Amino acid sequence: MSNQSQAIQATYFSIIGNTILAILKGVAGIFGNSYALIADAIESTTDIFASFLVLFGIKYASRPADENHPYGHGRAEPLVTFLVVGFLIASAFLIAYESLRNINTPHALPKPWTLIVLAVIIIWKEYSFRVVMKKAIQTNSSSLKADAWHHRSDAITSVAAFLGITIALVLGKGYEAADDWAALFASVFILYNSYLIFRPALGEIMDEHFYDDLVLEIREISTQVTGILGTEKCHIRKAGMVYHVDLHARVDSEITVREGHDLAHQLKDRLKLDIPKLGNILIHIEPD
């Protein structure tokens, strides 16, 4: 299965899971007198739209290179990640606003059975995070990583809700707002996660270097090609699910231009074979 197919499959998994959970949380929150659960439902609803954005980004970023986009369309992925972060930030502020409003509003204690609902949600969301993050790592997809962190932040907001409801139920009357304080704490954590998702995507857009391990792998493979005596500069930039490489390779200074040209192609083919996640590879020949 191709990287694109795996990423799309993981995104559909997120969409279906978030839809079911948004309905479950909303119903449980309304009938269980829990604003923390309603806040969770709001976040899951934004997660659905965010996952659709990720799906669009993955499909668009996987388009082949054309005349206007010689390096492909991979940069669409971090741009979509920025939009996903926007959804996260919007949901955090909405949850915080409603939490603050409810803290000062008298309301009934949450129902004890809401804890069971939250326990199920926490387990499912952590499982979803691990499934989607595994696919994100396998496919090198930044937007899929953002989608995975949606699941993790959802799990943590559910943990906060679980603690808030537990405090409200144990301490009883006068502590009804513990549930709302939990939702407020969750909104702060969502904002923090938004930064963690945004920062790598910004680095990708700015061609920031995060790829020391990949550079070492490229250098090691290069010296295994007969005629390549070593490597000098090696610049890597990520676009979507692939990495574009500019590599300076040292060869015998006495060989002909034709021989140097052939060596460059041999090196490029070897790197493509051994590291399938590489995209465009530009080899510059240096005399040793």
Protein backbone atom coordinates (compact mmCIF):
# COMPACT_ATOMS: atom_id res chain seq x y z
CA MET A 1 0.00 0.00 0.00
CA SER A 2 1.37 3.44 -0.97
CA ASN A 3 2.07 6.20 1.57
CA GLN A 4 -0.83 8.21 0.19
CA SER A 5 -3.26 5.28 0.59
CA GLN A 6 -2.11 4.65 4.17
CA ALA A 7 -2.49 8.33 5.06
CA ILE A 8 -5.96 8.54 3.49
CA GLN A 9 -7.02 5.37 5.31
CA ALA A 10 -5.85 6.84 8.63
CA THR A 11 -7.75 10.07 7.95
CA TYR A 12 -11.01 8.24 7.27
CA PHE A 13 -10.43 6.39 10.55
CA SER A 14 -10.20 9.78 12.30
CA ILE A 15 -13.31 11.18 10.60
CA ILE A 16 -15.51 8.20 11.48
CA GLY A 17 -14.21 7.99 15.05
CA ASN A 18 -14.62 11.72 15.71
CA THR A 19 -18.15 11.74 14.32
CA ILE A 20 -19.28 8.91 16.60
CA LEU A 21 -17.55 10.44 19.64
CA ALA A 22 -18.91 13.96 19.00
CA ILE A 23 -22.46 12.58 19.09
CA LEU A 24 -21.75 10.42 22.16
CA LYS A 25 -20.12 13.28 24.08
CA GLY A 26 -22.82 15.79 23.18
CA VAL A 27 -25.68 13.51 24.25
CA ALA A 28 -23.87 12.41 27.43
CA GLY A 29 -22.96 16.02 28.28
CA ILE A 30 -26.51 17.35 27.87
CA PHE A 31 -28.25 14.56 29.76
CA GLY A 32 -25.42 14.13 32.28
CA ASN A 33 -25.19 17.85 33.24
CA SER A 34 -21.50 17.97 32.25
CA TYR A 35 -20.14 20.98 30.43
CA ALA A 36 -16.70 19.32 30.27
CA LEU A 37 -18.29 16.62 28.10
CA ILE A 38 -20.08 19.23 25.99
CA ALA A 39 -16.71 21.00 25.57
CA ASP A 40 -15.24 17.69 24.48
CA ALA A 41 -18.06 17.33 21.94
CA ILE A 42 -17.28 20.79 20.56
CA GLU A 43 -13.62 19.84 20.13
CA SER A 44 -14.53 16.55 18.43
CA THR A 45 -16.79 18.44 16.03
CA THR A 46 -13.93 20.76 15.04
CA ASP A 47 -11.74 17.65 14.73
CA ILE A 48 -14.11 16.29 12.07
CA PHE A 49 -13.67 19.39 9.91
CA ALA A 50 -9.93 19.38 10.60
CA SER A 51 -9.68 15.75 9.45
CA PHE A 52 -11.49 16.63 6.22
CA LEU A 53 -8.89 19.37 5.70
CA VAL A 54 -6.11 16.84 6.30
CA LEU A 55 -7.72 14.50 3.78
CA PHE A 56 -7.82 17.27 1.17
CA GLY A 57 -4.22 18.25 1.93
CA ILE A 58 -2.91 14.68 1.59
CA LYS A 59 -4.69 14.14 -1.73
CA TYR A 60 -3.54 17.49 -3.12
CA ALA A 61 0.04 17.14 -1.85
CA SER A 62 0.31 13.74 -3.55
CA ARG A 63 -0.29 15.17 -7.02
CA PRO A 64 2.68 14.58 -9.35
CA ALA A 65 5.01 17.38 -10.41
CA ASP A 66 3.89 19.50 -13.37
CA GLU A 67 5.17 22.45 -15.37
CA ASN A 68 4.18 25.00 -12.72
CA HIS A 69 5.18 22.81 -9.76
CA PRO A 70 8.43 21.02 -10.73
CA TYR A 71 8.95 19.85 -7.13
CA GLY A 72 5.40 18.57 -6.79
CA HIS A 73 2.59 19.83 -4.53
CA GLY A 74 3.95 18.62 -1.19
CA ARG A 75 4.00 22.05 0.43
CA ALA A 76 0.21 21.90 0.58
CA GLU A 77 0.60 19.61 3.62
CA PRO A 78 2.14 22.11 6.08
CA LEU A 79 -0.28 24.77 4.81
CA VAL A 80 -3.18 22.47 5.70
CA THR A 81 -1.50 21.85 9.06
CA PHE A 82 -1.70 25.60 9.73
CA LEU A 83 -5.45 25.47 9.06
CA VAL A 84 -5.82 22.46 11.38
CA VAL A 85 -4.00 24.42 14.11
CA GLY A 86 -6.46 27.27 13.49
CA PHE A 87 -9.34 24.88 14.21
CA LEU A 88 -7.63 23.78 17.42
CA ILE A 89 -7.09 27.35 18.60
CA ALA A 90 -10.69 28.31 17.79
CA SER A 91 -12.05 25.33 19.73
CA ALA A 92 -9.77 26.16 22.70
CA PHE A 93 -11.05 29.74 22.92
CA LEU A 94 -14.67 28.60 22.53
CA ILE A 95 -14.26 26.04 25.33
CA ALA A 96 -12.53 28.61 27.57
CA TYR A 97 -15.27 31.21 26.97
CA GLU A 98 -18.08 28.79 27.75
CA SER A 99 -16.22 27.41 30.78
CA LEU A 100 -15.78 30.86 32.30
CA ARG A 101 -19.42 31.64 31.67
CA ASN A 102 -20.58 28.39 33.30
CA ILE A 103 -18.30 28.71 36.33
CA ASN A 104 -20.42 31.62 37.59
CA THR A 105 -23.72 30.02 36.62
CA PRO A 106 -25.42 27.72 39.20
CA HIS A 107 -26.07 24.26 37.79
CA ALA A 108 -26.66 20.68 38.88
CA LEU A 109 -23.94 18.17 39.65
CA PRO A 110 -22.84 15.96 36.75
CA LYS A 111 -24.35 12.46 36.63
CA PRO A 112 -22.07 9.67 37.93
CA TRP A 113 -22.52 7.59 34.75
CA THR A 114 -20.72 10.28 32.73
CA LEU A 115 -17.48 8.93 34.21
CA ILE A 116 -18.05 5.62 32.42
CA VAL A 117 -18.56 7.46 29.14
CA LEU A 118 -15.37 9.45 29.68
CA ALA A 119 -13.35 6.34 30.53
CA VAL A 120 -14.38 4.75 27.23
CA ILE A 121 -13.55 7.97 25.36
CA ILE A 122 -10.10 8.25 26.95
CA ILE A 123 -9.17 4.69 26.00
CA TRP A 124 -10.46 5.07 22.44
CA LYS A 125 -8.78 8.45 21.89
CA GLU A 126 -5.38 7.25 23.11
CA TYR A 127 -5.70 4.22 20.85
CA SER A 128 -6.65 6.50 17.93
CA PHE A 129 -3.61 8.70 18.62
CA ARG A 130 -1.27 5.71 18.46
CA VAL A 131 -2.85 4.36 15.25
CA VAL A 132 -2.78 7.68 13.39
CA MET A 133 0.69 8.70 14.68
CA LYS A 134 2.12 5.35 13.54
CA LYS A 135 0.76 6.01 10.04
CA ALA A 136 2.03 9.61 10.15
CA ILE A 137 5.57 8.42 10.93
CA GLN A 138 5.42 5.72 8.26
CA THR A 139 4.23 8.17 5.59
CA ASN A 140 6.23 11.27 6.72
CA SER A 141 2.98 13.28 6.78
CA SER A 142 3.05 16.47 8.88
CA SER A 143 -0.70 17.05 8.53
CA LEU A 144 -1.41 13.48 9.65
CA LYS A 145 0.77 14.09 12.71
CA ALA A 146 -1.37 17.14 13.45
CA ASP A 147 -4.45 14.94 13.13
CA ALA A 148 -2.91 12.42 15.53
CA TRP A 149 -2.27 15.17 18.09
CA HIS A 150 -5.95 16.09 17.85
CA HIS A 151 -6.67 12.63 19.26
CA ARG A 152 -4.08 13.00 22.02
CA SER A 153 -5.36 16.46 23.05
CA ASP A 154 -8.90 15.07 23.03
CA ALA A 155 -7.80 12.23 25.32
CA ILE A 156 -6.20 14.69 27.74
CA THR A 157 -9.22 17.00 27.80
CA SER A 158 -11.29 13.93 28.59
CA VAL A 159 -8.92 13.08 31.45
CA ALA A 160 -9.37 16.63 32.77
CA ALA A 161 -13.14 16.25 32.48
CA PHE A 162 -12.95 12.90 34.31
CA LEU A 163 -11.03 14.50 37.19
CA GLY A 164 -13.35 17.50 37.31
CA ILE A 165 -16.49 15.39 37.43
CA THR A 166 -14.94 13.08 40.04
CA ILE A 167 -14.11 16.08 42.28
CA ALA A 168 -17.63 17.48 41.84
CA LEU A 169 -19.25 14.14 42.72
CA VAL A 170 -16.96 13.35 45.68
CA LEU A 171 -17.11 16.80 47.29
CA GLY A 172 -20.76 17.34 46.41
CA LYS A 173 -22.78 20.56 46.55
CA GLY A 174 -20.72 23.69 46.12
CA TYR A 175 -18.20 22.01 43.84
CA GLU A 176 -20.37 21.79 40.72
CA ALA A 177 -17.97 24.16 38.92
CA ALA A 178 -15.07 21.65 39.18
CA ASP A 179 -16.33 20.23 35.91
CA ASP A 180 -16.11 23.67 34.26
CA TRP A 181 -12.65 24.36 35.69
CA ALA A 182 -11.54 21.07 34.14
CA ALA A 183 -12.82 22.23 30.75
CA LEU A 184 -10.95 25.54 31.19
CA PHE A 185 -7.71 23.70 31.96
CA ALA A 186 -8.27 21.54 28.89
CA SER A 187 -8.53 24.65 26.68
CA VAL A 188 -5.10 25.82 27.88
CA PHE A 189 -3.61 22.43 27.07
CA ILE A 190 -5.17 22.52 23.59
CA LEU A 191 -3.44 25.87 22.96
CA TYR A 192 -0.12 24.38 24.06
CA ASN A 193 -0.59 21.41 21.73
CA SER A 194 -1.43 23.83 18.92
CA TYR A 195 2.04 25.32 19.24
CA LEU A 196 3.66 21.86 19.23
CA ILE A 197 1.85 21.06 15.97
CA PHE A 198 2.48 24.48 14.39
CA ARG A 199 6.23 24.67 15.04
CA PRO A 200 7.39 21.68 12.86
CA ALA A 201 5.04 22.72 10.03
CA LEU A 202 6.55 26.22 10.10
CA GLY A 203 10.02 24.70 9.95
CA GLU A 204 8.99 22.65 6.92
CA ILE A 205 7.75 25.74 5.08
CA MET A 206 10.97 27.61 5.97
CA ASP A 207 13.22 24.67 4.90
CA GLU A 208 14.55 24.37 8.44
CA HIS A 209 17.00 21.51 8.94
CA PHE A 210 15.75 18.64 11.14
CA TYR A 211 17.26 15.71 9.24
CA ASP A 212 20.70 14.84 10.62
CA ASP A 213 19.94 11.10 10.69
CA LEU A 214 18.82 11.14 7.07
CA VAL A 215 21.97 13.07 6.06
CA LEU A 216 24.14 10.39 7.72
CA GLU A 217 22.22 7.65 5.91
CA ILE A 218 22.64 9.40 2.55
CA ARG A 219 26.39 9.87 3.12
CA GLU A 220 26.85 6.23 4.10
CA ILE A 221 25.00 4.90 1.05
CA SER A 222 26.82 7.31 -1.28
CA THR A 223 30.26 5.96 -0.38
CA GLN A 224 29.06 2.43 -1.24
CA VAL A 225 28.71 3.44 -4.91
CA THR A 226 31.89 2.57 -6.81
CA GLY A 227 33.62 5.74 -7.92
CA ILE A 228 32.12 8.00 -5.24
CA LEU A 229 35.01 8.91 -2.94
CA GLY A 230 33.01 10.93 -0.43
CA THR A 231 30.40 13.63 0.03
CA GLU A 232 30.46 17.29 0.96
CA LYS A 233 27.35 19.49 1.21
CA CYS A 234 24.06 17.67 1.76
CA HIS A 235 20.95 19.83 1.98
CA ILE A 236 17.52 18.34 2.63
CA ARG A 237 14.08 19.91 2.53
CA LYS A 238 10.78 18.19 3.16
CA ALA A 239 7.74 18.64 0.93
CA GLY A 240 4.68 16.57 1.82
CA MET A 241 5.69 12.94 2.28
CA VAL A 242 9.03 13.14 0.44
CA TYR A 243 12.45 14.71 0.99
CA HIS A 244 14.27 16.64 -1.74
CA VAL A 245 18.08 16.37 -1.63
CA ASP A 246 20.96 18.51 -2.93
CA LEU A 247 24.17 16.51 -2.59
CA HIS A 248 27.81 17.29 -3.49
CA ALA A 249 29.73 14.08 -4.24
CA ARG A 250 33.52 13.79 -4.63
CA VAL A 251 35.00 11.78 -7.52
CA ASP A 252 38.44 11.28 -9.08
CA SER A 253 39.44 14.57 -10.70
CA GLU A 254 41.00 12.75 -13.67
CA ILE A 255 37.81 11.11 -14.98
CA THR A 256 35.92 12.51 -17.98
CA VAL A 257 32.78 14.65 -17.80
CA ARG A 258 30.82 11.69 -19.22
CA GLU A 259 32.12 9.38 -16.49
CA GLY A 260 31.25 11.95 -13.83
CA HIS A 261 27.77 12.32 -15.32
CA ASP A 262 27.26 8.53 -15.27
CA LEU A 263 28.44 8.32 -11.65
CA ALA A 264 25.94 11.00 -10.64
CA HIS A 265 23.11 8.96 -12.18
CA GLN A 266 24.34 5.77 -10.52
CA LEU A 267 24.40 7.53 -7.16
CA LYS A 268 20.95 9.02 -7.66
CA ASP A 269 19.49 5.61 -8.63
CA ARG A 270 21.10 3.94 -5.60
CA LEU A 271 19.73 6.56 -3.20
CA LYS A 272 16.25 6.25 -4.72
CA LEU A 273 16.41 2.46 -4.36
CA ASP A 274 17.66 2.40 -0.76
CA ILE A 275 15.62 5.39 0.54
CA PRO A 276 12.20 5.38 -1.21
CA LYS A 277 11.02 8.48 0.70
CA LEU A 278 13.45 10.67 -1.27
CA GLY A 279 11.91 12.85 -3.97
CA ASN A 280 14.00 15.01 -6.29
CA ILE A 281 17.75 14.36 -5.94
CA LEU A 282 20.28 16.81 -7.39
CA ILE A 283 23.87 15.51 -7.51
CA HIS A 284 26.73 17.99 -7.91
CA ILE A 285 30.07 16.39 -8.81
CA GLU A 286 33.18 17.73 -7.04
CA PRO A 287 36.77 16.82 -8.06
CA ASP A 288 38.60 15.04 -5.24
